[in-house]
């Protein structure tokens, strides 16, 4: 039921996708990204980043989300996907448990200099789409080639048996962003991102408790 409410909230209509012989293949598990696994502490995530990308501790930036009060570790890496250029990866550590709960990988607009007509951003996204479509997700959780409310494309979405999410998006945004309503429309530049979330319906973020105000 929780999975159904989550999909309904996104107003997504699953489209037909290639059938998988799930009885013969092990179902895909969304555990995090590479060596960084959900449930790791900040120190463990830092070590995983250094191992995965062969970087020093100083290459990892730390921020605090001002509304969710989560800790975000950021790194910009090259060659994560062929031909897409720089990729920014954000590892979110939960507010209360202080454990890794989400990883977001983004490329294109806002990450690197990307031309409005660039095709490499979508090319990288299509490579990942093919990969995820080939994985064994429960059939009722799979969404392929749908549209999100903001107009961007949902190339793939899947929930594993534990309700953990992987979502692949592609779209175009005005860039640079307008600074005021009077600004003339900007060119639209492509972006793509992958979201891995441990508990998309109940993330470990700060919330004001009922009755406090």
N, C-alpha and C. Protein backbone atom coordinates (compact mmCIF):
# COMPACT_ATOMS: atom_id res chain seq x y z
N UNK A 1 0.83 -1.20 0.00
CA UNK A 1 0.00 0.00 0.00
C UNK A 1 0.86 1.25 0.00
N UNK A 2 1.97 1.24 0.80
CA UNK A 2 2.84 2.40 0.86
C UNK A 2 3.46 2.68 -0.50
N UNK A 3 3.84 1.62 -1.21
CA UNK A 3 4.43 1.81 -2.54
C UNK A 3 3.41 2.44 -3.48
N UNK A 4 2.15 2.00 -3.41
CA UNK A 4 1.11 2.55 -4.29
C UNK A 4 0.89 4.03 -4.02
N UNK A 5 0.89 4.42 -2.74
CA UNK A 5 0.69 5.83 -2.41
C UNK A 5 1.84 6.67 -2.94
N UNK A 6 3.04 6.13 -2.86
CA UNK A 6 4.22 6.86 -3.34
C UNK A 6 4.14 7.10 -4.84
N UNK A 7 3.79 6.08 -5.59
CA UNK A 7 3.69 6.23 -7.05
C UNK A 7 2.55 7.17 -7.41
N UNK A 8 1.44 7.09 -6.69
CA UNK A 8 0.31 7.95 -6.98
C UNK A 8 0.65 9.40 -6.72
N UNK A 9 1.44 9.67 -5.69
CA UNK A 9 1.81 11.03 -5.35
C UNK A 9 2.62 11.67 -6.46
N UNK A 10 3.38 10.89 -7.18
CA UNK A 10 4.17 11.40 -8.29
C UNK A 10 3.35 11.50 -9.58
N UNK A 11 2.12 11.06 -9.53
CA UNK A 11 1.24 11.08 -10.69
C UNK A 11 1.87 10.37 -11.88
N UNK A 12 2.36 9.18 -11.64
CA UNK A 12 3.05 8.44 -12.68
C UNK A 12 2.17 7.33 -13.20
N UNK A 13 2.19 7.15 -14.50
CA UNK A 13 1.44 6.06 -15.12
C UNK A 13 2.43 5.09 -15.74
N UNK A 14 2.65 3.93 -15.15
CA UNK A 14 3.63 2.98 -15.70
C UNK A 14 3.30 2.60 -17.13
N UNK A 15 4.35 2.60 -17.95
CA UNK A 15 4.19 2.17 -19.34
C UNK A 15 4.76 0.77 -19.48
N UNK A 16 4.48 0.18 -20.60
CA UNK A 16 4.94 -1.19 -20.83
C UNK A 16 6.46 -1.24 -20.88
N UNK A 17 7.04 -2.25 -20.27
CA UNK A 17 8.49 -2.45 -20.29
C UNK A 17 8.76 -3.91 -20.57
N UNK A 18 9.94 -4.22 -21.06
CA UNK A 18 10.26 -5.62 -21.36
C UNK A 18 10.08 -6.51 -20.14
N UNK A 19 9.44 -7.64 -20.34
CA UNK A 19 9.21 -8.57 -19.22
C UNK A 19 10.53 -9.20 -18.81
N UNK A 20 10.65 -9.49 -17.51
CA UNK A 20 11.85 -10.13 -16.99
C UNK A 20 11.50 -11.48 -16.42
N UNK A 21 12.38 -12.42 -16.63
CA UNK A 21 12.18 -13.75 -16.06
C UNK A 21 12.62 -13.72 -14.60
N UNK A 22 11.76 -13.12 -13.74
CA UNK A 22 12.15 -12.88 -12.36
C UNK A 22 12.30 -14.17 -11.56
N UNK A 23 11.66 -15.22 -12.01
CA UNK A 23 11.80 -16.48 -11.28
C UNK A 23 13.18 -17.07 -11.46
N UNK A 24 13.85 -16.70 -12.57
CA UNK A 24 15.16 -17.25 -12.86
C UNK A 24 16.28 -16.30 -12.45
N UNK A 25 15.96 -15.01 -12.22
CA UNK A 25 16.98 -14.03 -11.89
C UNK A 25 16.76 -13.48 -10.49
N UNK A 26 17.84 -13.21 -9.81
CA UNK A 26 17.75 -12.62 -8.49
C UNK A 26 17.25 -11.19 -8.60
N UNK A 27 16.29 -10.83 -7.76
CA UNK A 27 15.75 -9.48 -7.81
C UNK A 27 16.82 -8.47 -7.44
N UNK A 28 16.80 -7.34 -8.13
CA UNK A 28 17.78 -6.28 -7.93
C UNK A 28 17.59 -5.65 -6.55
N UNK A 29 18.69 -5.36 -5.87
CA UNK A 29 18.64 -4.71 -4.56
C UNK A 29 19.28 -3.33 -4.66
N UNK A 30 18.53 -2.31 -4.22
CA UNK A 30 19.03 -0.93 -4.20
C UNK A 30 19.73 -0.73 -2.86
N UNK A 31 21.05 -0.83 -2.85
CA UNK A 31 21.81 -0.82 -1.61
C UNK A 31 22.57 0.48 -1.38
N UNK A 32 22.60 1.37 -2.38
CA UNK A 32 23.38 2.59 -2.31
C UNK A 32 24.05 2.80 -3.65
N UNK A 33 25.25 3.37 -3.65
CA UNK A 33 25.98 3.59 -4.89
C UNK A 33 27.42 3.12 -4.72
N UNK A 34 27.80 2.13 -5.50
CA UNK A 34 29.13 1.53 -5.45
C UNK A 34 29.45 1.07 -4.03
N UNK A 35 30.57 1.53 -3.46
CA UNK A 35 30.97 1.06 -2.13
C UNK A 35 30.19 1.72 -1.00
N UNK A 36 29.48 2.80 -1.28
CA UNK A 36 28.72 3.51 -0.26
C UNK A 36 27.35 2.86 -0.11
N UNK A 37 27.12 2.20 1.00
CA UNK A 37 25.88 1.45 1.23
C UNK A 37 25.00 2.16 2.26
N UNK A 38 23.68 2.04 2.06
CA UNK A 38 22.74 2.59 3.03
C UNK A 38 23.06 2.05 4.43
N UNK A 39 22.95 2.94 5.42
CA UNK A 39 23.22 2.53 6.79
C UNK A 39 24.64 2.81 7.24
N UNK A 40 25.52 3.23 6.31
CA UNK A 40 26.89 3.56 6.69
C UNK A 40 26.93 4.88 7.46
N UNK A 41 27.90 5.02 8.35
CA UNK A 41 28.14 6.27 9.05
C UNK A 41 28.85 7.25 8.12
N UNK A 42 28.94 8.51 8.56
CA UNK A 42 29.64 9.51 7.74
C UNK A 42 31.08 9.10 7.48
N UNK A 43 31.77 8.61 8.51
CA UNK A 43 33.16 8.20 8.33
C UNK A 43 33.27 7.05 7.32
N UNK A 44 32.34 6.11 7.38
CA UNK A 44 32.36 4.99 6.44
C UNK A 44 32.08 5.44 5.02
N UNK A 45 31.16 6.41 4.86
CA UNK A 45 30.86 6.93 3.52
C UNK A 45 32.08 7.65 2.97
N UNK A 46 32.74 8.42 3.80
CA UNK A 46 33.96 9.11 3.35
C UNK A 46 35.00 8.12 2.84
N UNK A 47 35.20 7.04 3.57
CA UNK A 47 36.17 6.04 3.13
C UNK A 47 35.73 5.40 1.82
N UNK A 48 34.43 5.15 1.68
CA UNK A 48 33.91 4.55 0.44
C UNK A 48 34.15 5.47 -0.75
N UNK A 49 33.93 6.77 -0.57
CA UNK A 49 34.16 7.74 -1.64
C UNK A 49 35.62 7.73 -2.06
N UNK A 50 36.51 7.73 -1.08
CA UNK A 50 37.93 7.74 -1.39
C UNK A 50 38.36 6.48 -2.15
N UNK A 51 37.77 5.35 -1.78
CA UNK A 51 38.08 4.10 -2.47
C UNK A 51 37.52 4.11 -3.90
N UNK A 52 36.26 4.54 -4.04
CA UNK A 52 35.60 4.49 -5.35
C UNK A 52 36.23 5.43 -6.37
N UNK A 53 36.70 6.61 -5.91
CA UNK A 53 37.16 7.63 -6.85
C UNK A 53 38.64 7.98 -6.70
N UNK A 54 39.32 7.26 -5.82
CA UNK A 54 40.76 7.44 -5.65
C UNK A 54 41.09 8.91 -5.40
N UNK A 55 40.42 9.52 -4.43
CA UNK A 55 40.61 10.93 -4.10
C UNK A 55 41.03 11.07 -2.64
N UNK A 56 41.56 12.23 -2.32
CA UNK A 56 41.93 12.52 -0.96
C UNK A 56 40.71 13.04 -0.18
N UNK A 57 40.83 13.03 1.13
CA UNK A 57 39.75 13.53 1.99
C UNK A 57 39.37 14.96 1.65
N UNK A 58 40.35 15.77 1.24
CA UNK A 58 40.09 17.18 0.94
C UNK A 58 39.21 17.39 -0.28
N UNK A 59 39.03 16.36 -1.10
CA UNK A 59 38.17 16.48 -2.29
C UNK A 59 36.69 16.37 -1.95
N UNK A 60 36.37 15.98 -0.74
CA UNK A 60 34.98 15.79 -0.32
C UNK A 60 34.49 17.05 0.41
N UNK A 61 33.42 17.64 -0.09
CA UNK A 61 32.82 18.83 0.53
C UNK A 61 31.67 18.41 1.42
N UNK A 62 31.55 19.07 2.56
CA UNK A 62 30.47 18.77 3.50
C UNK A 62 29.55 19.97 3.64
N UNK A 63 28.24 19.73 3.55
CA UNK A 63 27.24 20.77 3.72
C UNK A 63 26.13 20.26 4.64
N UNK A 64 25.34 21.21 5.15
CA UNK A 64 24.15 20.87 5.93
C UNK A 64 22.92 21.40 5.21
N UNK A 65 21.94 20.54 4.96
CA UNK A 65 20.69 20.99 4.36
C UNK A 65 19.96 21.86 5.37
N UNK A 66 19.67 23.13 5.04
CA UNK A 66 19.13 24.05 6.04
C UNK A 66 17.71 23.75 6.51
N UNK A 67 16.94 23.01 5.72
CA UNK A 67 15.56 22.69 6.11
C UNK A 67 15.41 21.27 6.63
N UNK A 68 16.13 20.34 6.04
CA UNK A 68 16.03 18.94 6.47
C UNK A 68 17.01 18.61 7.59
N UNK A 69 18.03 19.48 7.78
CA UNK A 69 19.08 19.29 8.79
C UNK A 69 19.81 17.96 8.61
N UNK A 70 19.94 17.56 7.37
CA UNK A 70 20.74 16.39 7.04
C UNK A 70 22.15 16.84 6.65
N UNK A 71 23.08 15.93 6.69
CA UNK A 71 24.46 16.19 6.28
C UNK A 71 24.65 15.66 4.86
N UNK A 72 25.25 16.48 3.99
CA UNK A 72 25.45 16.09 2.60
C UNK A 72 26.95 16.13 2.28
N UNK A 73 27.48 15.01 1.83
CA UNK A 73 28.86 14.93 1.36
C UNK A 73 28.84 14.99 -0.16
N UNK A 74 29.63 15.90 -0.72
CA UNK A 74 29.61 16.15 -2.16
C UNK A 74 30.97 15.89 -2.78
N UNK A 75 30.94 15.32 -3.97
CA UNK A 75 32.16 15.15 -4.74
C UNK A 75 31.82 15.33 -6.22
N UNK A 76 32.74 15.92 -6.97
CA UNK A 76 32.62 16.02 -8.42
C UNK A 76 33.67 15.12 -9.05
N UNK A 77 33.23 14.24 -9.92
CA UNK A 77 34.12 13.23 -10.49
C UNK A 77 34.01 13.22 -12.02
N UNK A 78 35.03 12.71 -12.66
CA UNK A 78 35.07 12.52 -14.10
C UNK A 78 34.93 11.04 -14.43
N UNK A 79 34.48 10.77 -15.64
CA UNK A 79 34.48 9.40 -16.20
C UNK A 79 33.59 8.43 -15.41
N UNK A 80 32.58 8.96 -14.74
CA UNK A 80 31.62 8.06 -14.09
C UNK A 80 30.77 7.38 -15.15
N UNK A 81 30.41 8.14 -16.18
CA UNK A 81 29.71 7.62 -17.36
C UNK A 81 30.43 8.10 -18.60
N UNK A 82 30.47 7.31 -19.66
CA UNK A 82 31.18 7.70 -20.87
C UNK A 82 30.64 9.00 -21.48
N UNK A 83 31.52 9.93 -21.77
CA UNK A 83 31.24 11.13 -22.57
C UNK A 83 30.36 12.18 -21.88
N UNK A 84 29.98 12.02 -20.63
CA UNK A 84 29.06 13.00 -20.03
C UNK A 84 29.81 14.12 -19.31
N UNK A 85 31.11 14.01 -19.15
CA UNK A 85 31.86 15.05 -18.46
C UNK A 85 31.76 14.90 -16.95
N UNK A 86 31.73 16.04 -16.27
CA UNK A 86 31.69 16.03 -14.81
C UNK A 86 30.36 15.49 -14.28
N UNK A 87 30.46 14.75 -13.19
CA UNK A 87 29.27 14.23 -12.50
C UNK A 87 29.38 14.63 -11.04
N UNK A 88 28.31 15.21 -10.50
CA UNK A 88 28.28 15.57 -9.09
C UNK A 88 27.49 14.52 -8.32
N UNK A 89 28.08 14.02 -7.25
CA UNK A 89 27.45 12.98 -6.46
C UNK A 89 27.25 13.49 -5.04
N UNK A 90 26.03 13.43 -4.55
CA UNK A 90 25.68 13.92 -3.22
C UNK A 90 25.23 12.74 -2.36
N UNK A 91 25.90 12.54 -1.26
CA UNK A 91 25.59 11.46 -0.31
C UNK A 91 24.93 12.10 0.91
N UNK A 92 23.68 11.74 1.19
CA UNK A 92 22.94 12.36 2.29
C UNK A 92 22.92 11.46 3.51
N UNK A 93 23.39 12.03 4.63
CA UNK A 93 23.40 11.34 5.92
C UNK A 93 22.17 11.81 6.70
N UNK A 94 21.38 10.90 7.23
CA UNK A 94 20.12 11.22 7.89
C UNK A 94 20.26 12.09 9.13
N UNK A 95 19.17 12.77 9.46
CA UNK A 95 19.14 13.72 10.58
C UNK A 95 19.26 13.04 11.93
N UNK A 96 18.49 11.99 12.18
CA UNK A 96 18.49 11.35 13.50
C UNK A 96 19.46 10.17 13.57
N UNK A 97 19.38 9.28 12.62
CA UNK A 97 20.19 8.07 12.67
C UNK A 97 21.64 8.31 12.30
N UNK A 98 21.91 9.40 11.57
CA UNK A 98 23.26 9.73 11.13
C UNK A 98 23.85 8.62 10.25
N UNK A 99 22.99 8.06 9.40
CA UNK A 99 23.41 7.00 8.49
C UNK A 99 23.06 7.39 7.05
N UNK A 100 23.82 6.83 6.11
CA UNK A 100 23.56 7.13 4.70
C UNK A 100 22.15 6.69 4.31
N UNK A 101 21.37 7.63 3.75
CA UNK A 101 19.99 7.31 3.39
C UNK A 101 19.67 7.60 1.92
N UNK A 102 20.52 8.39 1.24
CA UNK A 102 20.23 8.75 -0.15
C UNK A 102 21.52 9.12 -0.87
N UNK A 103 21.56 8.78 -2.17
CA UNK A 103 22.66 9.21 -3.03
C UNK A 103 22.03 9.76 -4.31
N UNK A 104 22.48 10.95 -4.72
CA UNK A 104 22.00 11.55 -5.97
C UNK A 104 23.19 11.84 -6.86
N UNK A 105 23.13 11.35 -8.08
CA UNK A 105 24.19 11.56 -9.07
C UNK A 105 23.61 12.41 -10.20
N UNK A 106 24.26 13.56 -10.49
CA UNK A 106 23.71 14.50 -11.48
C UNK A 106 24.79 14.93 -12.46
N UNK A 107 24.38 15.20 -13.71
CA UNK A 107 25.29 15.71 -14.72
C UNK A 107 24.52 16.60 -15.68
N UNK A 108 25.27 17.45 -16.41
CA UNK A 108 24.63 18.40 -17.31
C UNK A 108 24.47 19.75 -16.66
N UNK A 109 23.34 20.41 -16.89
CA UNK A 109 23.09 21.76 -16.37
C UNK A 109 23.33 21.84 -14.87
N UNK A 110 24.08 22.87 -14.47
CA UNK A 110 24.36 23.07 -13.06
C UNK A 110 25.58 22.33 -12.56
N UNK A 111 26.11 21.42 -13.36
CA UNK A 111 27.28 20.63 -12.96
C UNK A 111 28.49 20.98 -13.83
N UNK A 112 28.27 21.10 -15.13
CA UNK A 112 29.36 21.42 -16.05
C UNK A 112 28.84 22.33 -17.15
N UNK A 113 29.75 22.93 -17.90
CA UNK A 113 29.36 23.76 -19.04
C UNK A 113 28.72 22.87 -20.09
N UNK A 114 27.43 23.06 -20.31
CA UNK A 114 26.68 22.19 -21.22
C UNK A 114 25.93 23.05 -22.23
N UNK A 115 26.10 22.76 -23.50
CA UNK A 115 25.44 23.52 -24.56
C UNK A 115 23.96 23.13 -24.63
N UNK A 116 23.09 24.08 -25.05
CA UNK A 116 21.66 23.78 -25.14
C UNK A 116 21.34 22.56 -26.01
N UNK A 117 22.09 22.35 -27.06
CA UNK A 117 21.81 21.23 -27.96
C UNK A 117 22.62 19.99 -27.68
N UNK A 118 23.27 19.92 -26.53
CA UNK A 118 24.14 18.79 -26.23
C UNK A 118 23.35 17.48 -26.18
N UNK A 119 23.90 16.45 -26.81
CA UNK A 119 23.25 15.14 -26.82
C UNK A 119 23.90 14.14 -25.87
N UNK A 120 25.08 14.49 -25.35
CA UNK A 120 25.78 13.53 -24.49
C UNK A 120 25.10 13.32 -23.14
N UNK A 121 24.35 14.33 -22.68
CA UNK A 121 23.66 14.21 -21.39
C UNK A 121 22.59 13.11 -21.48
N UNK A 122 21.78 13.18 -22.53
CA UNK A 122 20.77 12.15 -22.73
C UNK A 122 21.42 10.82 -23.05
N UNK A 123 22.54 10.85 -23.78
CA UNK A 123 23.23 9.60 -24.11
C UNK A 123 23.63 8.83 -22.86
N UNK A 124 24.19 9.53 -21.87
CA UNK A 124 24.54 8.88 -20.63
C UNK A 124 23.33 8.34 -19.90
N UNK A 125 22.23 9.13 -19.92
CA UNK A 125 21.01 8.69 -19.26
C UNK A 125 20.44 7.44 -19.93
N UNK A 126 20.52 7.37 -21.26
CA UNK A 126 20.00 6.22 -21.98
C UNK A 126 20.81 4.95 -21.67
N UNK A 127 22.12 5.13 -21.49
CA UNK A 127 22.94 3.98 -21.10
C UNK A 127 22.46 3.40 -19.77
N UNK A 128 22.22 4.29 -18.81
CA UNK A 128 21.74 3.84 -17.51
C UNK A 128 20.32 3.28 -17.59
N UNK A 129 19.49 3.87 -18.44
CA UNK A 129 18.13 3.35 -18.60
C UNK A 129 18.17 1.90 -19.07
N UNK A 130 19.01 1.63 -20.06
CA UNK A 130 19.12 0.26 -20.56
C UNK A 130 19.59 -0.69 -19.47
N UNK A 131 20.52 -0.20 -18.66
CA UNK A 131 21.03 -1.04 -17.56
C UNK A 131 19.92 -1.35 -16.55
N UNK A 132 19.19 -0.32 -16.11
CA UNK A 132 18.16 -0.54 -15.09
C UNK A 132 16.99 -1.37 -15.62
N UNK A 133 16.60 -1.15 -16.88
CA UNK A 133 15.50 -1.93 -17.46
C UNK A 133 15.85 -3.41 -17.49
N UNK A 134 17.12 -3.72 -17.65
CA UNK A 134 17.54 -5.12 -17.72
C UNK A 134 17.60 -5.79 -16.35
N UNK A 135 17.48 -4.99 -15.26
CA UNK A 135 17.56 -5.57 -13.92
C UNK A 135 16.20 -6.12 -13.49
N UNK A 136 16.24 -7.06 -12.56
CA UNK A 136 15.01 -7.72 -12.11
C UNK A 136 14.41 -6.98 -10.92
N UNK A 137 13.52 -6.03 -11.22
CA UNK A 137 12.72 -5.34 -10.21
C UNK A 137 11.33 -5.98 -10.17
N UNK A 138 10.64 -5.95 -9.02
CA UNK A 138 9.25 -6.40 -9.00
C UNK A 138 8.44 -5.66 -10.06
N UNK A 139 7.69 -6.38 -10.84
CA UNK A 139 6.99 -5.79 -11.99
C UNK A 139 6.09 -4.63 -11.61
N UNK A 140 5.43 -4.70 -10.45
CA UNK A 140 4.49 -3.65 -10.07
C UNK A 140 5.18 -2.35 -9.68
N UNK A 141 6.49 -2.38 -9.48
CA UNK A 141 7.21 -1.18 -9.04
C UNK A 141 7.90 -0.46 -10.19
N UNK A 142 7.88 -1.03 -11.38
CA UNK A 142 8.66 -0.50 -12.50
C UNK A 142 7.88 0.56 -13.28
N UNK A 143 8.56 1.67 -13.58
CA UNK A 143 8.01 2.71 -14.46
C UNK A 143 9.08 3.02 -15.50
N UNK A 144 8.70 3.04 -16.77
CA UNK A 144 9.64 3.30 -17.85
C UNK A 144 9.05 4.35 -18.79
N UNK A 145 9.85 5.38 -19.10
CA UNK A 145 9.45 6.41 -20.08
C UNK A 145 8.12 7.06 -19.74
N UNK A 146 8.03 7.63 -18.56
CA UNK A 146 6.86 8.39 -18.15
C UNK A 146 7.28 9.86 -18.00
N UNK A 147 6.36 10.67 -17.47
CA UNK A 147 6.64 12.09 -17.32
C UNK A 147 6.33 12.53 -15.90
N UNK A 148 7.20 13.39 -15.35
CA UNK A 148 7.00 13.93 -14.01
C UNK A 148 6.22 15.24 -14.08
N UNK A 149 5.63 15.67 -12.97
CA UNK A 149 4.82 16.89 -12.98
C UNK A 149 5.56 18.13 -13.45
N UNK A 150 6.89 18.19 -13.28
CA UNK A 150 7.64 19.37 -13.71
C UNK A 150 7.98 19.34 -15.20
N UNK A 151 7.52 18.33 -15.91
CA UNK A 151 7.75 18.23 -17.34
C UNK A 151 8.97 17.43 -17.73
N UNK A 152 9.82 17.06 -16.78
CA UNK A 152 10.98 16.24 -17.09
C UNK A 152 10.56 14.79 -17.31
N UNK A 153 11.43 14.03 -17.91
CA UNK A 153 11.13 12.64 -18.25
C UNK A 153 11.61 11.69 -17.16
N UNK A 154 10.76 10.77 -16.80
CA UNK A 154 11.14 9.70 -15.89
C UNK A 154 11.52 8.51 -16.76
N UNK A 155 12.82 8.35 -16.98
CA UNK A 155 13.27 7.28 -17.87
C UNK A 155 13.14 5.91 -17.23
N UNK A 156 13.33 5.88 -15.90
CA UNK A 156 13.15 4.61 -15.19
C UNK A 156 12.90 4.88 -13.71
N UNK A 157 12.06 4.03 -13.12
CA UNK A 157 11.89 4.02 -11.68
C UNK A 157 11.60 2.60 -11.23
N UNK A 158 12.26 2.20 -10.16
CA UNK A 158 12.02 0.87 -9.62
C UNK A 158 12.16 0.87 -8.11
N UNK A 159 11.37 0.03 -7.47
CA UNK A 159 11.46 -0.21 -6.03
C UNK A 159 11.82 -1.67 -5.81
N UNK A 160 12.80 -1.91 -4.96
CA UNK A 160 13.13 -3.30 -4.68
C UNK A 160 12.18 -3.87 -3.63
N UNK A 161 12.40 -5.10 -3.21
CA UNK A 161 11.47 -5.76 -2.29
C UNK A 161 11.40 -5.08 -0.93
N UNK A 162 12.42 -4.30 -0.58
CA UNK A 162 12.43 -3.59 0.70
C UNK A 162 11.92 -2.16 0.58
N UNK A 163 11.43 -1.78 -0.60
CA UNK A 163 10.89 -0.45 -0.80
C UNK A 163 11.95 0.60 -1.09
N UNK A 164 13.19 0.19 -1.36
CA UNK A 164 14.25 1.13 -1.68
C UNK A 164 14.18 1.51 -3.15
N UNK A 165 14.43 2.77 -3.44
CA UNK A 165 14.13 3.37 -4.74
C UNK A 165 15.37 3.63 -5.57
N UNK A 166 15.27 3.41 -6.89
CA UNK A 166 16.18 3.99 -7.86
C UNK A 166 15.33 4.71 -8.90
N UNK A 167 15.71 5.93 -9.21
CA UNK A 167 14.94 6.74 -10.15
C UNK A 167 15.90 7.48 -11.08
N UNK A 168 15.64 7.42 -12.37
CA UNK A 168 16.48 8.05 -13.40
C UNK A 168 15.65 9.10 -14.14
N UNK A 169 16.11 10.35 -14.10
CA UNK A 169 15.37 11.46 -14.70
C UNK A 169 16.21 12.18 -15.75
N UNK A 170 15.51 12.78 -16.73
CA UNK A 170 16.16 13.60 -17.74
C UNK A 170 15.23 14.76 -18.07
N UNK A 171 15.82 15.95 -18.27
CA UNK A 171 14.99 17.10 -18.63
C UNK A 171 15.86 18.25 -19.10
N UNK A 172 15.22 19.41 -19.28
CA UNK A 172 15.92 20.62 -19.69
C UNK A 172 15.45 21.77 -18.82
N UNK A 173 16.39 22.65 -18.46
CA UNK A 173 16.06 23.79 -17.60
C UNK A 173 16.65 25.05 -18.21
N UNK A 174 16.02 26.23 -17.93
CA UNK A 174 16.62 27.48 -18.38
C UNK A 174 17.98 27.67 -17.70
N UNK A 175 18.98 28.04 -18.50
CA UNK A 175 20.31 28.21 -17.91
C UNK A 175 21.06 29.33 -18.64
N UNK A 176 21.63 30.30 -17.91
CA UNK A 176 21.60 30.36 -16.45
C UNK A 176 20.21 30.70 -15.93
N UNK A 177 19.89 30.34 -14.70
CA UNK A 177 18.56 30.62 -14.15
C UNK A 177 18.27 32.12 -14.12
N UNK A 178 17.02 32.47 -14.34
CA UNK A 178 16.63 33.89 -14.32
C UNK A 178 16.78 34.45 -12.90
N UNK A 179 17.31 35.66 -12.81
CA UNK A 179 17.50 36.31 -11.51
C UNK A 179 16.27 37.12 -11.10
N UNK A 180 15.44 37.47 -12.07
CA UNK A 180 14.22 38.23 -11.76
C UNK A 180 13.18 37.92 -12.83
N UNK A 181 11.88 38.19 -12.55
CA UNK A 181 10.82 37.92 -13.54
C UNK A 181 11.01 38.70 -14.84
N UNK A 182 11.77 39.81 -14.79
CA UNK A 182 11.94 40.63 -15.98
C UNK A 182 13.01 40.08 -16.93
N UNK A 183 13.79 39.14 -16.45
CA UNK A 183 14.84 38.58 -17.30
C UNK A 183 14.25 37.88 -18.51
N UNK A 184 14.93 38.00 -19.64
CA UNK A 184 14.48 37.33 -20.85
C UNK A 184 14.69 35.82 -20.72
N UNK A 185 13.85 35.04 -21.40
CA UNK A 185 14.01 33.58 -21.32
C UNK A 185 15.41 33.12 -21.72
N UNK A 186 15.96 32.21 -20.95
CA UNK A 186 17.28 31.68 -21.23
C UNK A 186 17.18 30.47 -22.16
N UNK A 187 18.31 30.07 -22.69
CA UNK A 187 18.35 28.82 -23.43
C UNK A 187 18.07 27.67 -22.48
N UNK A 188 17.53 26.59 -23.00
CA UNK A 188 17.24 25.42 -22.17
C UNK A 188 18.36 24.40 -22.33
N UNK A 189 18.90 24.00 -21.20
CA UNK A 189 20.08 23.14 -21.18
C UNK A 189 19.71 21.81 -20.54
N UNK A 190 20.17 20.68 -21.09
CA UNK A 190 19.78 19.37 -20.56
C UNK A 190 20.48 19.03 -19.25
N UNK A 191 19.80 18.24 -18.44
CA UNK A 191 20.37 17.69 -17.21
C UNK A 191 19.87 16.26 -17.05
N UNK A 192 20.56 15.50 -16.25
CA UNK A 192 20.11 14.15 -15.90
C UNK A 192 20.53 13.86 -14.47
N UNK A 193 19.79 12.99 -13.80
CA UNK A 193 20.16 12.60 -12.44
C UNK A 193 19.59 11.22 -12.11
N UNK A 194 20.32 10.58 -11.22
CA UNK A 194 19.89 9.29 -10.68
C UNK A 194 19.74 9.46 -9.18
N UNK A 195 18.64 8.97 -8.64
CA UNK A 195 18.39 9.03 -7.20
C UNK A 195 18.31 7.60 -6.66
N UNK A 196 19.11 7.33 -5.63
CA UNK A 196 19.01 6.09 -4.87
C UNK A 196 18.52 6.47 -3.48
N UNK A 197 17.40 5.94 -3.02
CA UNK A 197 16.84 6.32 -1.73
C UNK A 197 16.48 5.08 -0.92
N UNK A 198 16.90 5.08 0.34
CA UNK A 198 16.64 3.94 1.20
C UNK A 198 15.17 3.83 1.58
N UNK A 199 14.54 4.96 1.90
CA UNK A 199 13.13 4.97 2.31
C UNK A 199 12.46 6.22 1.74
N UNK A 200 12.05 6.19 0.47
CA UNK A 200 11.54 7.40 -0.18
C UNK A 200 10.26 7.94 0.42
N UNK A 201 9.48 7.13 1.11
CA UNK A 201 8.23 7.61 1.69
C UNK A 201 8.38 8.13 3.11
N UNK A 202 9.51 7.82 3.75
CA UNK A 202 9.72 8.26 5.13
C UNK A 202 11.21 8.56 5.35
N UNK A 203 11.74 9.58 4.69
CA UNK A 203 13.17 9.88 4.82
C UNK A 203 13.52 10.40 6.21
N UNK A 204 14.76 10.17 6.61
CA UNK A 204 15.24 10.59 7.92
C UNK A 204 15.65 12.06 7.88
N UNK A 205 14.65 12.95 7.97
CA UNK A 205 14.88 14.39 7.93
C UNK A 205 14.22 15.05 9.14
N UNK A 206 14.60 16.28 9.40
CA UNK A 206 14.00 17.03 10.51
C UNK A 206 12.55 17.37 10.20
N UNK A 207 11.69 17.17 11.17
CA UNK A 207 10.28 17.56 11.05
C UNK A 207 9.83 18.21 12.36
N UNK A 208 9.02 19.22 12.26
CA UNK A 208 8.42 19.82 13.45
C UNK A 208 7.30 18.90 13.93
N UNK A 209 7.37 18.52 15.18
CA UNK A 209 6.39 17.59 15.72
C UNK A 209 5.02 18.24 15.93
N UNK A 210 3.99 17.43 15.79
CA UNK A 210 2.64 17.90 15.98
C UNK A 210 2.47 18.49 17.38
N UNK A 211 1.91 19.70 17.45
CA UNK A 211 1.65 20.33 18.73
C UNK A 211 2.77 21.21 19.27
N UNK A 212 3.92 21.24 18.59
CA UNK A 212 5.01 22.08 19.05
C UNK A 212 4.75 23.57 18.82
N UNK A 213 3.96 23.87 17.80
CA UNK A 213 3.66 25.28 17.49
C UNK A 213 2.18 25.46 17.25
